[in-house]
N, C-alpha and C. Protein backbone atom coordinates (compact mmCIF):
# COMPACT_ATOMS: atom_id res chain seq x y z
N ASP A 1 0.85 -1.18 0.00
CA ASP A 1 0.00 0.00 0.00
C ASP A 1 0.89 1.24 0.00
N HIS A 2 0.53 2.22 -0.73
CA HIS A 2 1.33 3.44 -0.89
C HIS A 2 2.70 3.08 -1.46
N LEU A 3 3.74 3.75 -1.02
CA LEU A 3 5.07 3.55 -1.59
C LEU A 3 6.06 2.97 -0.59
N GLY A 4 5.59 2.53 0.54
CA GLY A 4 6.48 2.05 1.58
C GLY A 4 7.50 1.05 1.07
N GLY A 5 8.77 1.33 1.30
CA GLY A 5 9.85 0.42 0.92
C GLY A 5 10.26 0.51 -0.54
N ILE A 6 9.74 1.48 -1.28
CA ILE A 6 10.04 1.57 -2.71
C ILE A 6 11.54 1.73 -2.96
N SER A 7 12.27 2.30 -2.02
CA SER A 7 13.72 2.51 -2.20
C SER A 7 14.48 1.19 -2.23
N LYS A 8 13.88 0.12 -1.75
CA LYS A 8 14.53 -1.20 -1.77
C LYS A 8 14.62 -1.76 -3.19
N PHE A 9 13.82 -1.20 -4.11
CA PHE A 9 13.77 -1.68 -5.49
C PHE A 9 14.49 -0.68 -6.38
N ASN A 10 15.78 -0.48 -6.13
CA ASN A 10 16.52 0.60 -6.77
C ASN A 10 16.91 0.35 -8.22
N ASN A 11 16.53 -0.78 -8.80
CA ASN A 11 16.77 -1.03 -10.22
C ASN A 11 15.47 -1.22 -10.99
N ALA A 12 14.36 -1.20 -10.30
CA ALA A 12 13.06 -1.49 -10.91
C ALA A 12 12.49 -0.30 -11.67
N THR A 13 11.73 -0.61 -12.70
CA THR A 13 10.91 0.40 -13.36
C THR A 13 9.64 0.54 -12.53
N ILE A 14 9.24 1.77 -12.28
CA ILE A 14 8.07 2.03 -11.45
C ILE A 14 6.97 2.60 -12.34
N PHE A 15 5.82 1.96 -12.31
CA PHE A 15 4.66 2.41 -13.06
C PHE A 15 3.70 3.10 -12.10
N LEU A 16 3.49 4.39 -12.31
CA LEU A 16 2.71 5.18 -11.39
C LEU A 16 1.76 6.07 -12.18
N ARG A 17 0.55 6.21 -11.70
CA ARG A 17 -0.40 7.11 -12.35
C ARG A 17 0.05 8.55 -12.15
N ARG A 18 -0.02 9.34 -13.20
CA ARG A 18 0.41 10.74 -13.12
C ARG A 18 -0.35 11.49 -12.02
N ASP A 19 -1.65 11.20 -11.87
CA ASP A 19 -2.44 11.84 -10.80
C ASP A 19 -1.83 11.56 -9.42
N GLU A 20 -1.35 10.36 -9.23
CA GLU A 20 -0.75 9.98 -7.95
C GLU A 20 0.57 10.73 -7.74
N TYR A 21 1.39 10.77 -8.78
CA TYR A 21 2.66 11.48 -8.69
C TYR A 21 2.44 12.95 -8.36
N GLU A 22 1.51 13.59 -9.06
CA GLU A 22 1.25 15.01 -8.83
C GLU A 22 0.72 15.25 -7.42
N TRP A 23 -0.13 14.36 -6.94
CA TRP A 23 -0.67 14.47 -5.58
C TRP A 23 0.45 14.32 -4.55
N LEU A 24 1.31 13.31 -4.73
CA LEU A 24 2.43 13.10 -3.81
C LEU A 24 3.39 14.29 -3.82
N LYS A 25 3.68 14.80 -5.01
CA LYS A 25 4.58 15.95 -5.13
C LYS A 25 4.00 17.16 -4.41
N GLN A 26 2.71 17.40 -4.59
CA GLN A 26 2.05 18.53 -3.94
C GLN A 26 2.14 18.41 -2.42
N ILE A 27 1.89 17.23 -1.90
CA ILE A 27 1.95 17.03 -0.44
C ILE A 27 3.38 17.21 0.06
N CYS A 28 4.34 16.60 -0.63
CA CYS A 28 5.74 16.71 -0.19
C CYS A 28 6.23 18.14 -0.28
N ASP A 29 5.83 18.88 -1.30
CA ASP A 29 6.21 20.29 -1.40
C ASP A 29 5.61 21.09 -0.24
N ARG A 30 4.38 20.75 0.11
CA ARG A 30 3.69 21.46 1.19
C ARG A 30 4.41 21.29 2.53
N PHE A 31 5.00 20.12 2.73
CA PHE A 31 5.62 19.81 4.01
C PHE A 31 7.15 19.79 3.97
N LYS A 32 7.75 20.32 2.89
CA LYS A 32 9.19 20.18 2.74
C LYS A 32 10.00 20.83 3.86
N ASN A 33 9.46 21.83 4.51
CA ASN A 33 10.18 22.49 5.59
C ASN A 33 9.71 22.07 6.98
N LYS A 34 8.86 21.09 7.03
CA LYS A 34 8.38 20.60 8.33
C LYS A 34 9.31 19.50 8.83
N PRO A 35 9.51 19.41 10.12
CA PRO A 35 10.43 18.40 10.64
C PRO A 35 9.86 16.98 10.64
N LYS A 36 8.55 16.86 10.65
CA LYS A 36 7.95 15.54 10.78
C LYS A 36 7.65 14.93 9.42
N TYR A 37 8.40 13.92 9.05
CA TYR A 37 8.12 13.14 7.86
C TYR A 37 8.06 11.69 8.30
N ALA A 38 6.93 11.08 8.10
CA ALA A 38 6.79 9.68 8.48
C ALA A 38 5.75 9.04 7.59
N SER A 39 5.76 7.73 7.53
CA SER A 39 4.75 7.05 6.74
C SER A 39 3.75 6.41 7.69
N GLY A 40 2.59 6.14 7.20
CA GLY A 40 1.58 5.46 8.00
C GLY A 40 0.20 6.01 7.76
N TRP A 41 -0.77 5.30 8.20
CA TRP A 41 -2.17 5.71 8.07
C TRP A 41 -2.66 6.20 9.42
N CYS A 42 -1.74 6.72 10.19
CA CYS A 42 -2.00 7.01 11.60
C CYS A 42 -2.96 8.17 11.86
N HIS A 43 -3.20 9.01 10.87
CA HIS A 43 -4.14 10.11 11.11
C HIS A 43 -5.50 9.56 11.52
N LYS A 44 -5.91 8.48 10.89
CA LYS A 44 -7.20 7.89 11.23
C LYS A 44 -7.21 7.35 12.65
N MET A 45 -6.02 7.11 13.18
CA MET A 45 -5.92 6.63 14.56
C MET A 45 -5.65 7.80 15.51
N GLY A 46 -5.66 9.01 14.98
CA GLY A 46 -5.43 10.18 15.82
C GLY A 46 -3.97 10.47 16.09
N LEU A 47 -3.06 9.89 15.30
CA LEU A 47 -1.64 10.04 15.56
C LEU A 47 -0.95 11.03 14.62
N GLY A 48 -1.66 11.55 13.64
CA GLY A 48 -1.05 12.49 12.71
C GLY A 48 -1.94 13.69 12.50
N ASN A 49 -1.35 14.83 12.27
CA ASN A 49 -2.10 16.06 12.05
C ASN A 49 -1.87 16.53 10.63
N PRO A 50 -2.91 16.57 9.77
CA PRO A 50 -2.71 16.95 8.38
C PRO A 50 -2.22 18.39 8.20
N GLN A 51 -2.27 19.20 9.24
CA GLN A 51 -1.75 20.56 9.15
C GLN A 51 -0.26 20.61 9.49
N GLU A 52 0.26 19.55 10.08
CA GLU A 52 1.64 19.59 10.58
C GLU A 52 2.59 18.60 9.93
N ASP A 53 2.11 17.46 9.48
CA ASP A 53 3.06 16.46 9.01
C ASP A 53 2.46 15.53 7.96
N LEU A 54 3.36 14.81 7.32
CA LEU A 54 2.96 13.85 6.29
C LEU A 54 2.38 12.57 6.87
N PHE A 55 2.59 12.37 8.17
CA PHE A 55 2.09 11.18 8.84
C PHE A 55 0.61 10.95 8.51
N ALA A 56 -0.13 12.04 8.46
CA ALA A 56 -1.58 11.97 8.25
C ALA A 56 -1.94 11.50 6.84
N PHE A 57 -1.02 11.60 5.89
CA PHE A 57 -1.32 11.25 4.50
C PHE A 57 -0.78 9.89 4.10
N GLY A 58 -0.07 9.20 4.99
CA GLY A 58 0.52 7.92 4.62
C GLY A 58 1.64 8.09 3.61
N VAL A 59 2.32 9.22 3.67
CA VAL A 59 3.38 9.53 2.72
C VAL A 59 4.69 9.71 3.47
N SER A 60 5.74 9.17 2.92
CA SER A 60 7.06 9.32 3.50
C SER A 60 7.93 10.16 2.58
N LYS A 61 8.61 11.12 3.14
CA LYS A 61 9.53 11.94 2.35
C LYS A 61 10.57 11.05 1.67
N GLN A 62 11.06 10.06 2.37
CA GLN A 62 12.07 9.16 1.83
C GLN A 62 11.52 8.36 0.64
N ASP A 63 10.27 7.94 0.73
CA ASP A 63 9.68 7.20 -0.38
C ASP A 63 9.51 8.10 -1.60
N PHE A 64 9.08 9.35 -1.38
CA PHE A 64 8.94 10.25 -2.52
C PHE A 64 10.31 10.57 -3.12
N GLU A 65 11.32 10.71 -2.29
CA GLU A 65 12.67 10.95 -2.80
C GLU A 65 13.12 9.78 -3.67
N ALA A 66 12.75 8.55 -3.29
CA ALA A 66 13.08 7.38 -4.11
C ALA A 66 12.39 7.45 -5.47
N ILE A 67 11.15 7.96 -5.49
CA ILE A 67 10.44 8.15 -6.75
C ILE A 67 11.16 9.19 -7.62
N GLU A 68 11.61 10.26 -7.01
CA GLU A 68 12.33 11.30 -7.75
C GLU A 68 13.65 10.77 -8.30
N ILE A 69 14.32 9.92 -7.55
CA ILE A 69 15.55 9.28 -8.05
C ILE A 69 15.23 8.40 -9.25
N ALA A 70 14.16 7.61 -9.13
CA ALA A 70 13.74 6.76 -10.26
C ALA A 70 13.42 7.61 -11.48
N LYS A 71 12.79 8.74 -11.26
CA LYS A 71 12.46 9.65 -12.37
C LYS A 71 13.75 10.16 -13.02
N SER A 72 14.72 10.57 -12.23
CA SER A 72 15.98 11.09 -12.78
C SER A 72 16.76 10.01 -13.52
N GLU A 73 16.53 8.75 -13.18
CA GLU A 73 17.20 7.62 -13.83
C GLU A 73 16.36 7.02 -14.95
N ASN A 74 15.27 7.69 -15.31
CA ASN A 74 14.34 7.21 -16.35
C ASN A 74 13.72 5.85 -16.02
N ARG A 75 13.52 5.57 -14.74
CA ARG A 75 12.87 4.34 -14.31
C ARG A 75 11.43 4.55 -13.88
N LEU A 76 10.97 5.81 -13.92
CA LEU A 76 9.59 6.12 -13.55
C LEU A 76 8.77 6.28 -14.81
N GLN A 77 7.73 5.47 -14.95
CA GLN A 77 6.82 5.54 -16.08
C GLN A 77 5.49 6.09 -15.57
N LEU A 78 5.18 7.33 -15.93
CA LEU A 78 3.91 7.93 -15.50
C LEU A 78 2.83 7.57 -16.51
N ILE A 79 1.68 7.15 -16.00
CA ILE A 79 0.56 6.71 -16.83
C ILE A 79 -0.57 7.72 -16.69
N ASP A 80 -1.02 8.22 -17.82
CA ASP A 80 -2.13 9.18 -17.82
C ASP A 80 -3.47 8.46 -17.86
N GLY A 81 -4.47 9.07 -17.22
CA GLY A 81 -5.83 8.55 -17.28
C GLY A 81 -6.07 7.37 -16.37
N LYS A 82 -7.25 6.80 -16.50
CA LYS A 82 -7.67 5.69 -15.65
C LYS A 82 -7.88 4.39 -16.42
N GLU A 83 -7.63 4.43 -17.72
CA GLU A 83 -7.90 3.26 -18.55
C GLU A 83 -6.92 2.11 -18.26
N LEU A 84 -7.30 0.94 -18.72
CA LEU A 84 -6.49 -0.26 -18.57
C LEU A 84 -5.30 -0.15 -19.52
N VAL A 85 -4.09 -0.33 -18.97
CA VAL A 85 -2.86 -0.21 -19.76
C VAL A 85 -1.99 -1.43 -19.47
N GLU A 86 -1.53 -2.09 -20.53
CA GLU A 86 -0.60 -3.21 -20.34
C GLU A 86 0.80 -2.64 -20.17
N VAL A 87 1.39 -2.84 -19.00
CA VAL A 87 2.71 -2.27 -18.70
C VAL A 87 3.83 -3.27 -18.97
N LEU A 88 3.53 -4.53 -18.85
CA LEU A 88 4.43 -5.63 -19.18
C LEU A 88 3.56 -6.73 -19.78
N THR A 89 4.15 -7.65 -20.49
CA THR A 89 3.37 -8.72 -21.08
C THR A 89 2.58 -9.46 -20.00
N GLY A 90 1.26 -9.43 -20.12
CA GLY A 90 0.39 -10.11 -19.17
C GLY A 90 0.14 -9.36 -17.87
N VAL A 91 0.62 -8.11 -17.78
CA VAL A 91 0.42 -7.32 -16.56
C VAL A 91 -0.20 -5.98 -16.96
N TRP A 92 -1.36 -5.70 -16.40
CA TRP A 92 -2.08 -4.46 -16.71
C TRP A 92 -2.27 -3.66 -15.43
N THR A 93 -2.43 -2.37 -15.63
CA THR A 93 -2.79 -1.50 -14.52
C THR A 93 -4.01 -0.69 -14.95
N CYS A 94 -4.88 -0.46 -14.01
CA CYS A 94 -6.10 0.30 -14.28
C CYS A 94 -6.28 1.31 -13.15
N GLY A 95 -6.36 2.59 -13.51
CA GLY A 95 -6.55 3.62 -12.49
C GLY A 95 -7.95 3.59 -11.94
N ASN A 96 -8.08 3.85 -10.64
CA ASN A 96 -9.42 3.88 -10.06
C ASN A 96 -9.66 5.13 -9.21
N GLY A 97 -8.61 5.80 -8.77
CA GLY A 97 -8.76 7.04 -8.01
C GLY A 97 -9.62 6.91 -6.77
N ALA A 98 -9.62 5.74 -6.17
CA ALA A 98 -10.49 5.51 -5.01
C ALA A 98 -9.82 5.91 -3.69
N HIS A 99 -8.75 5.27 -3.36
CA HIS A 99 -8.08 5.47 -2.07
C HIS A 99 -7.29 6.78 -2.05
N THR A 100 -6.58 7.04 -3.14
CA THR A 100 -5.86 8.28 -3.36
C THR A 100 -6.14 8.69 -4.80
N PRO A 101 -5.84 9.92 -5.19
CA PRO A 101 -6.21 10.38 -6.54
C PRO A 101 -5.71 9.51 -7.68
N GLY A 102 -4.55 8.88 -7.50
CA GLY A 102 -4.00 8.05 -8.57
C GLY A 102 -3.92 6.58 -8.24
N SER A 103 -4.79 6.11 -7.36
CA SER A 103 -4.80 4.68 -7.03
C SER A 103 -4.94 3.86 -8.30
N GLN A 104 -4.36 2.67 -8.28
CA GLN A 104 -4.49 1.80 -9.44
C GLN A 104 -4.58 0.35 -9.00
N TRP A 105 -5.24 -0.42 -9.83
CA TRP A 105 -5.34 -1.86 -9.65
C TRP A 105 -4.31 -2.50 -10.56
N ILE A 106 -3.78 -3.63 -10.16
CA ILE A 106 -2.87 -4.40 -11.00
C ILE A 106 -3.57 -5.70 -11.34
N LEU A 107 -3.60 -6.02 -12.62
CA LEU A 107 -4.21 -7.27 -13.10
C LEU A 107 -3.11 -8.11 -13.73
N ILE A 108 -3.03 -9.37 -13.34
CA ILE A 108 -2.01 -10.26 -13.87
C ILE A 108 -2.71 -11.44 -14.54
N GLN A 109 -2.34 -11.69 -15.79
CA GLN A 109 -2.93 -12.78 -16.56
C GLN A 109 -2.43 -14.09 -16.03
N GLY A 110 -3.36 -15.01 -15.76
CA GLY A 110 -2.99 -16.35 -15.32
C GLY A 110 -2.71 -17.27 -16.50
N SER A 111 -2.14 -18.41 -16.22
CA SER A 111 -1.83 -19.35 -17.30
C SER A 111 -2.99 -20.27 -17.58
């Protein structure tokens, strides 16, 4: 869920909906000078304040930085729209914008 641990995949191509990237960038820009950067869904548990930190959005500054590194290395593939797109043979992604603006489903063809 979200981007947790994305930095562990430092050679992978990342397929991300453009809406999601823009949303993440906007949030990270908003909080770039705040000391609190953490990941988690803790706002719903009363542990994060959306006016003060990223904790409330389930976004980690480190995870977004990993996305920016992937972008600079041409490993980030931004997908426009919500339609079904085959990203690899037998692997499709479909945007749904449900959980976050650029949420997507992954469909894998079985044998």
